[in-house]
Amino acid sequence: MATLNPPLAAPGSGVGRSVLRRLGESSALPILAVVAVLILVWYAGAVLLNWQTEGDRLVSAGAPYTGLDHVLATWSAKRPVLPAPHQIAVELWTSIATVRPTSPRSLLFHAWVTLSSTLVGFAIGTGLGILLAVGIVHSRVLDKSLMPWIIASQTVPILAVAPMVIVVLGNLQITGLLPKAVISTYLSFFPVTVGMLKGLRSPDVMHLDLMHTYSASRAQILGKLRLPAALPFLFASMKVAIAAALVGAIVAELPTGAVAGLGARLLAGSYYGQTAMIWAALVAASVMAGLLVWIVGRAEQIVLRRTGGRA
């Protein structure tokens, strides 16, 4: 008997299903869905918050208008209460692509100023946090004396600390990047200290007893057991610390009347009523924070892979 040939599949159907399957299995589709919902909510919020002011402007113009004209006016207002997403995109493009990166009008220039103090403060805070954790884990006196003060230091609002630090360092003729880095250090050392301390104390008692039976010194236990065990905790806390350092750098620019940095960009936008400029600076800060956390995550994968840990 002649065998019947199976029906041919529709061209491209297998490829389409494969693409849809990959999108469903990856995290890209949920992220895109959330972003789309946020954009729609943002446009709706722009309509609600700008409705009254744009309605008054249309009435004062005296020309007839429809509801659609009113909605479109809320998305194209010159001084909106809440700018629409496309207005923020235009501001980002204007302040990044149409201006020299070294110009004070460039958002890249201000982002670099903030990034510099963020990285310096993060480096100092990370080093300080690691040293404090190592000292606390090896000294009961430091544990009882320092740890309560470390915790208490984070109960003081950063908005209260920043002006005092800036004024004191200014009287000592210390200006520029360092005062902002000090604020970043203040916010970033705490998560590193707590995370590193947790990691240094994470080895099992059996492993510690085994090292003691080999007559290992404190330095050997630290280098061969405690530090490798603490690496995952350290990088997890560094992701929090790098974002906190960025917040500290921006906050430190606010009470000083700084002329450069994302904080200065926020102040300039508030002074001149340019809400699109304010939101563009906030978006730039968010993107910068995401990139910094991603870089720390990549560094974590490389270090853990080379040290035999779980990447």
Protein backbone atom coordinates (compact mmCIF):
# COMPACT_ATOMS: atom_id res chain seq x y z
CA MET A 1 0.00 0.00 0.00
CA ALA A 2 1.18 3.50 -0.80
CA THR A 3 2.09 5.51 2.26
CA LEU A 4 0.45 8.86 2.68
CA ASN A 5 2.79 11.79 2.97
CA PRO A 6 2.27 13.85 6.15
CA PRO A 7 0.78 17.30 5.59
CA LEU A 8 3.32 20.03 5.15
CA ALA A 9 3.61 22.51 7.99
CA ALA A 10 2.86 26.11 7.26
CA PRO A 11 6.02 28.01 6.26
CA GLY A 12 7.63 29.71 9.20
CA SER A 13 5.24 28.21 11.75
CA GLY A 14 8.01 26.27 13.48
CA VAL A 15 10.25 29.32 13.64
CA GLY A 16 7.46 31.46 15.04
CA ARG A 17 6.63 28.94 17.72
CA SER A 18 10.30 28.62 18.61
CA VAL A 19 10.64 32.38 18.98
CA LEU A 20 7.50 32.59 21.12
CA ARG A 21 8.72 29.69 23.25
CA ARG A 22 12.08 31.34 23.82
CA LEU A 23 10.43 34.64 24.74
CA GLY A 24 8.16 32.84 27.19
CA GLU A 25 11.08 31.01 28.81
CA SER A 26 13.30 34.08 29.08
CA SER A 27 12.84 37.03 31.41
CA ALA A 28 12.60 39.52 28.53
CA LEU A 29 8.87 39.13 27.92
CA PRO A 30 7.76 39.80 31.53
CA ILE A 31 10.11 42.80 31.72
CA LEU A 32 8.77 44.24 28.45
CA ALA A 33 5.20 43.68 29.65
CA VAL A 34 5.87 45.54 32.91
CA VAL A 35 7.58 48.39 31.02
CA ALA A 36 4.61 48.67 28.63
CA VAL A 37 2.16 48.84 31.55
CA LEU A 38 4.27 51.47 33.30
CA ILE A 39 4.39 53.61 30.15
CA LEU A 40 0.61 53.41 29.74
CA VAL A 41 0.09 54.34 33.40
CA TRP A 42 2.58 57.19 32.97
CA TYR A 43 0.69 58.61 29.99
CA ALA A 44 -2.56 58.36 31.95
CA GLY A 45 -0.95 60.13 34.91
CA ALA A 46 0.30 62.90 32.62
CA VAL A 47 -3.27 63.43 31.41
CA LEU A 48 -4.66 63.61 34.96
CA LEU A 49 -1.97 65.90 36.41
CA ASN A 50 -1.76 68.27 33.43
CA TRP A 51 -5.49 68.36 32.68
CA GLN A 52 -6.39 71.44 34.70
CA THR A 53 -3.49 73.66 33.62
CA GLU A 54 -3.79 72.77 29.95
CA GLY A 55 -7.57 73.16 30.09
CA ASP A 56 -7.16 76.68 31.44
CA ARG A 57 -4.65 77.45 28.68
CA LEU A 58 -6.98 76.18 25.96
CA VAL A 59 -9.89 78.19 27.38
CA SER A 60 -7.79 81.35 27.52
CA ALA A 61 -6.76 80.80 23.88
CA GLY A 62 -10.42 81.18 22.90
CA ALA A 63 -10.34 78.65 20.03
CA PRO A 64 -12.72 75.66 20.04
CA TYR A 65 -11.17 72.36 20.98
CA THR A 66 -12.17 68.73 21.45
CA GLY A 67 -11.44 66.22 24.19
CA LEU A 68 -8.70 64.71 22.01
CA ASP A 69 -7.10 68.13 21.65
CA HIS A 70 -7.18 68.46 25.42
CA VAL A 71 -5.50 65.07 25.90
CA LEU A 72 -2.83 65.84 23.31
CA ALA A 73 -2.19 69.18 24.99
CA THR A 74 -1.46 67.41 28.28
CA TRP A 75 1.21 65.36 26.48
CA SER A 76 2.88 68.38 24.89
CA ALA A 77 2.78 71.00 27.65
CA LYS A 78 5.76 73.32 27.86
CA ARG A 79 5.83 73.26 31.67
CA PRO A 80 4.01 70.06 32.61
CA VAL A 81 3.40 68.94 36.16
CA LEU A 82 4.25 65.43 34.98
CA PRO A 83 5.97 65.22 31.57
CA ALA A 84 4.95 62.43 29.21
CA PRO A 85 7.51 59.68 28.50
CA HIS A 86 8.24 60.97 25.00
CA GLN A 87 9.00 64.44 26.42
CA ILE A 88 11.57 62.89 28.76
CA ALA A 89 13.02 60.92 25.83
CA VAL A 90 13.36 64.15 23.84
CA GLU A 91 15.10 65.86 26.77
CA LEU A 92 17.50 62.92 27.10
CA TRP A 93 18.28 63.00 23.38
CA THR A 94 18.76 66.78 23.40
CA SER A 95 21.05 66.81 26.44
CA ILE A 96 23.11 63.79 25.34
CA ALA A 97 23.27 63.59 21.54
CA THR A 98 23.14 67.27 20.53
CA VAL A 99 25.64 68.65 23.05
CA ARG A 100 29.36 68.03 23.49
CA PRO A 101 29.98 65.58 26.38
CA THR A 102 32.35 68.08 28.02
CA SER A 103 29.79 70.88 27.97
CA PRO A 104 28.00 71.84 31.22
CA ARG A 105 24.77 71.53 29.24
CA SER A 106 25.43 67.84 28.59
CA LEU A 107 23.79 65.25 30.79
CA LEU A 108 26.84 63.03 30.27
CA PHE A 109 29.02 65.72 31.83
CA HIS A 110 26.82 65.87 34.94
CA ALA A 111 26.56 62.07 35.09
CA TRP A 112 30.36 61.77 35.04
CA VAL A 113 30.72 64.25 37.92
CA THR A 114 28.27 62.25 40.02
CA LEU A 115 29.79 58.93 38.96
CA SER A 116 33.28 60.04 40.04
CA SER A 117 32.23 60.80 43.61
CA THR A 118 30.10 57.65 43.66
CA LEU A 119 33.00 55.37 42.73
CA VAL A 120 35.39 57.03 45.17
CA GLY A 121 32.88 56.81 48.01
CA PHE A 122 32.00 53.23 47.11
CA ALA A 123 35.67 52.19 47.08
CA ILE A 124 36.33 53.81 50.46
CA GLY A 125 33.10 52.45 51.95
CA THR A 126 33.79 48.92 50.70
CA GLY A 127 37.33 48.94 52.08
CA LEU A 128 36.16 50.38 55.40
CA GLY A 129 33.32 47.86 55.63
CA ILE A 130 35.65 44.91 54.99
CA LEU A 131 38.18 46.11 57.57
CA LEU A 132 35.46 46.64 60.18
CA ALA A 133 33.98 43.19 59.54
CA VAL A 134 37.38 41.48 59.81
CA GLY A 135 38.12 43.34 63.04
CA ILE A 136 34.74 42.58 64.56
CA VAL A 137 34.85 38.87 63.73
CA HIS A 138 38.25 38.53 65.44
CA SER A 139 37.64 40.76 68.47
CA ARG A 140 34.80 40.41 70.91
CA VAL A 141 35.61 43.89 72.25
CA LEU A 142 35.11 45.44 68.82
CA ASP A 143 31.94 43.43 68.35
CA LYS A 144 30.44 44.79 71.57
CA SER A 145 31.73 48.34 71.17
CA LEU A 146 31.62 49.10 67.44
CA MET A 147 28.59 47.20 66.17
CA PRO A 148 25.97 49.19 68.14
CA TRP A 149 27.49 52.45 66.86
CA ILE A 150 27.60 51.17 63.29
CA ILE A 151 23.91 50.35 63.49
CA ALA A 152 23.08 53.65 65.22
CA SER A 153 24.88 55.61 62.49
CA GLN A 154 22.27 54.54 59.95
CA THR A 155 19.40 55.92 62.02
CA VAL A 156 20.48 59.53 61.30
CA PRO A 157 18.77 60.83 58.11
CA ILE A 158 21.23 61.46 55.31
CA LEU A 159 19.57 64.82 54.57
CA ALA A 160 20.62 65.93 58.07
CA VAL A 161 24.14 64.54 57.81
CA ALA A 162 25.04 65.83 54.35
CA PRO A 163 24.88 69.61 55.08
CA MET A 164 26.90 69.23 58.28
CA VAL A 165 29.61 67.21 56.54
CA ILE A 166 29.79 69.66 53.64
CA VAL A 167 30.02 72.69 55.95
CA VAL A 168 32.67 71.13 58.24
CA LEU A 169 34.85 70.00 55.35
CA GLY A 170 34.36 73.35 53.63
CA ASN A 171 35.70 75.15 56.72
CA LEU A 172 38.74 72.86 56.48
CA GLN A 173 39.19 74.00 52.85
CA ILE A 174 38.19 70.55 51.58
CA THR A 175 35.85 70.99 48.62
CA GLY A 176 35.07 69.35 45.33
CA LEU A 177 34.80 65.58 44.98
CA LEU A 178 35.89 64.47 48.46
CA PRO A 179 32.95 65.85 50.53
CA LYS A 180 30.47 64.11 48.22
CA ALA A 181 32.54 60.92 48.41
CA VAL A 182 32.32 61.08 52.21
CA ILE A 183 28.51 61.02 52.01
CA SER A 184 28.67 58.09 49.59
CA THR A 185 31.02 56.32 52.00
CA TYR A 186 28.61 56.93 54.86
CA LEU A 187 25.79 55.16 53.01
CA SER A 188 27.83 52.36 51.44
CA PHE A 189 30.00 51.08 54.28
CA PHE A 190 27.09 49.77 56.38
CA PRO A 191 25.71 47.10 53.98
CA VAL A 192 29.26 45.94 53.23
CA THR A 193 30.08 45.67 56.93
CA VAL A 194 26.93 43.69 57.74
CA GLY A 195 27.15 41.44 54.68
CA MET A 196 30.85 40.77 55.10
CA LEU A 197 30.42 40.04 58.80
CA LYS A 198 27.67 37.55 58.01
CA GLY A 199 29.88 35.90 55.42
CA LEU A 200 32.93 35.66 57.68
CA ARG A 201 30.79 33.94 60.30
CA SER A 202 29.15 31.57 57.79
CA PRO A 203 31.68 28.64 57.87
CA ASP A 204 30.53 25.58 59.76
CA VAL A 205 31.91 24.88 63.22
CA MET A 206 33.26 21.57 61.92
CA HIS A 207 35.37 23.38 59.31
CA LEU A 208 36.69 25.78 61.93
CA ASP A 209 37.54 22.88 64.26
CA LEU A 210 39.33 21.14 61.41
CA MET A 211 41.47 24.22 60.79
CA HIS A 212 42.27 24.38 64.49
CA THR A 213 43.37 20.73 64.48
CA TYR A 214 45.84 21.65 61.72
CA SER A 215 47.16 24.42 64.01
CA ALA A 216 46.14 27.07 61.49
CA SER A 217 46.68 30.66 62.52
CA ARG A 218 43.99 33.32 62.44
CA ALA A 219 45.43 34.70 59.21
CA GLN A 220 45.36 31.26 57.60
CA ILE A 221 41.78 30.63 58.72
CA LEU A 222 40.82 34.03 57.38
CA GLY A 223 42.49 33.56 54.01
CA LYS A 224 41.65 29.91 53.36
CA LEU A 225 38.22 29.54 54.98
CA ARG A 226 36.47 32.71 56.06
CA LEU A 227 37.20 34.94 53.04
CA PRO A 228 36.20 32.35 50.37
CA ALA A 229 32.99 31.66 52.30
CA ALA A 230 32.27 35.40 52.60
CA LEU A 231 32.62 36.25 48.89
CA PRO A 232 28.94 35.63 47.94
CA PHE A 233 27.81 37.73 50.92
CA LEU A 234 30.31 40.46 50.05
CA PHE A 235 29.17 40.84 46.45
CA ALA A 236 25.50 40.79 47.45
CA SER A 237 26.14 43.64 49.88
CA MET A 238 28.26 45.49 47.31
CA LYS A 239 25.28 45.59 44.93
CA VAL A 240 23.31 47.39 47.63
CA ALA A 241 26.29 49.59 48.53
CA ILE A 242 26.95 50.83 44.98
CA ALA A 243 23.34 51.97 44.60
CA ALA A 244 23.44 53.62 48.04
CA ALA A 245 26.70 55.36 47.11
CA LEU A 246 25.04 56.87 44.05
CA VAL A 247 22.16 58.14 46.18
CA GLY A 248 24.66 59.65 48.61
CA ALA A 249 26.52 61.45 45.83
CA ILE A 250 23.31 62.98 44.48
CA VAL A 251 22.07 63.98 47.93
CA ALA A 252 25.44 65.57 48.72
CA GLU A 253 25.08 67.83 45.68
CA LEU A 254 21.73 69.23 46.81
CA PRO A 255 22.60 71.32 49.90
CA THR A 256 25.81 72.72 48.40
CA GLY A 257 24.35 74.54 45.44
CA ALA A 258 26.61 72.49 43.19
CA VAL A 259 26.89 73.57 39.56
CA ALA A 260 27.78 70.11 38.24
CA GLY A 261 26.36 66.65 38.83
CA LEU A 262 22.95 65.05 38.59
CA GLY A 263 21.97 66.71 41.85
CA ALA A 264 22.80 70.09 40.33
CA ARG A 265 20.72 69.11 37.30
CA LEU A 266 17.78 68.40 39.61
CA LEU A 267 18.20 71.78 41.31
CA ALA A 268 18.40 73.62 37.98
CA GLY A 269 15.26 71.90 36.75
CA SER A 270 13.36 72.84 39.93
CA TYR A 271 14.56 76.46 39.82
CA TYR A 272 13.41 76.99 36.23
CA GLY A 273 10.31 74.79 36.35
CA GLN A 274 11.73 72.35 33.80
CA THR A 275 10.20 69.09 35.00
CA ALA A 276 11.41 67.25 31.90
CA MET A 277 14.98 68.12 32.92
CA ILE A 278 14.32 66.78 36.42
CA TRP A 279 12.90 63.51 35.14
CA ALA A 280 15.70 63.12 32.59
CA ALA A 281 18.25 63.40 35.41
CA LEU A 282 16.31 60.83 37.44
CA VAL A 283 16.19 58.44 34.48
CA ALA A 284 19.93 58.92 33.95
CA ALA A 285 20.56 58.14 37.63
CA SER A 286 18.39 55.01 37.42
CA VAL A 287 20.20 53.77 34.32
CA MET A 288 23.56 54.49 35.95
CA ALA A 289 22.56 52.58 39.09
CA GLY A 290 21.41 49.61 37.00
CA LEU A 291 24.69 49.54 35.07
CA LEU A 292 26.77 49.77 38.25
CA VAL A 293 24.85 46.90 39.88
CA TRP A 294 25.24 44.87 36.68
CA ILE A 295 29.01 45.48 36.66
CA VAL A 296 29.27 44.30 40.28
CA GLY A 297 27.23 41.22 39.33
CA ARG A 298 29.56 40.45 36.43
CA ALA A 299 32.57 40.87 38.72
CA GLU A 300 30.92 38.45 41.16
CA GLN A 301 30.54 35.80 38.45
CA ILE A 302 34.17 36.15 37.37
CA VAL A 303 35.59 36.05 40.89
CA LEU A 304 33.43 33.14 42.07
CA ARG A 305 34.21 31.17 38.91
CA ARG A 306 37.94 31.61 39.41
CA THR A 307 37.81 30.83 43.12
CA GLY A 308 35.70 27.71 42.62
CA GLY A 309 32.54 29.14 44.10
CA ARG A 310 29.05 29.11 42.67
CA ALA A 311 28.81 31.76 39.96
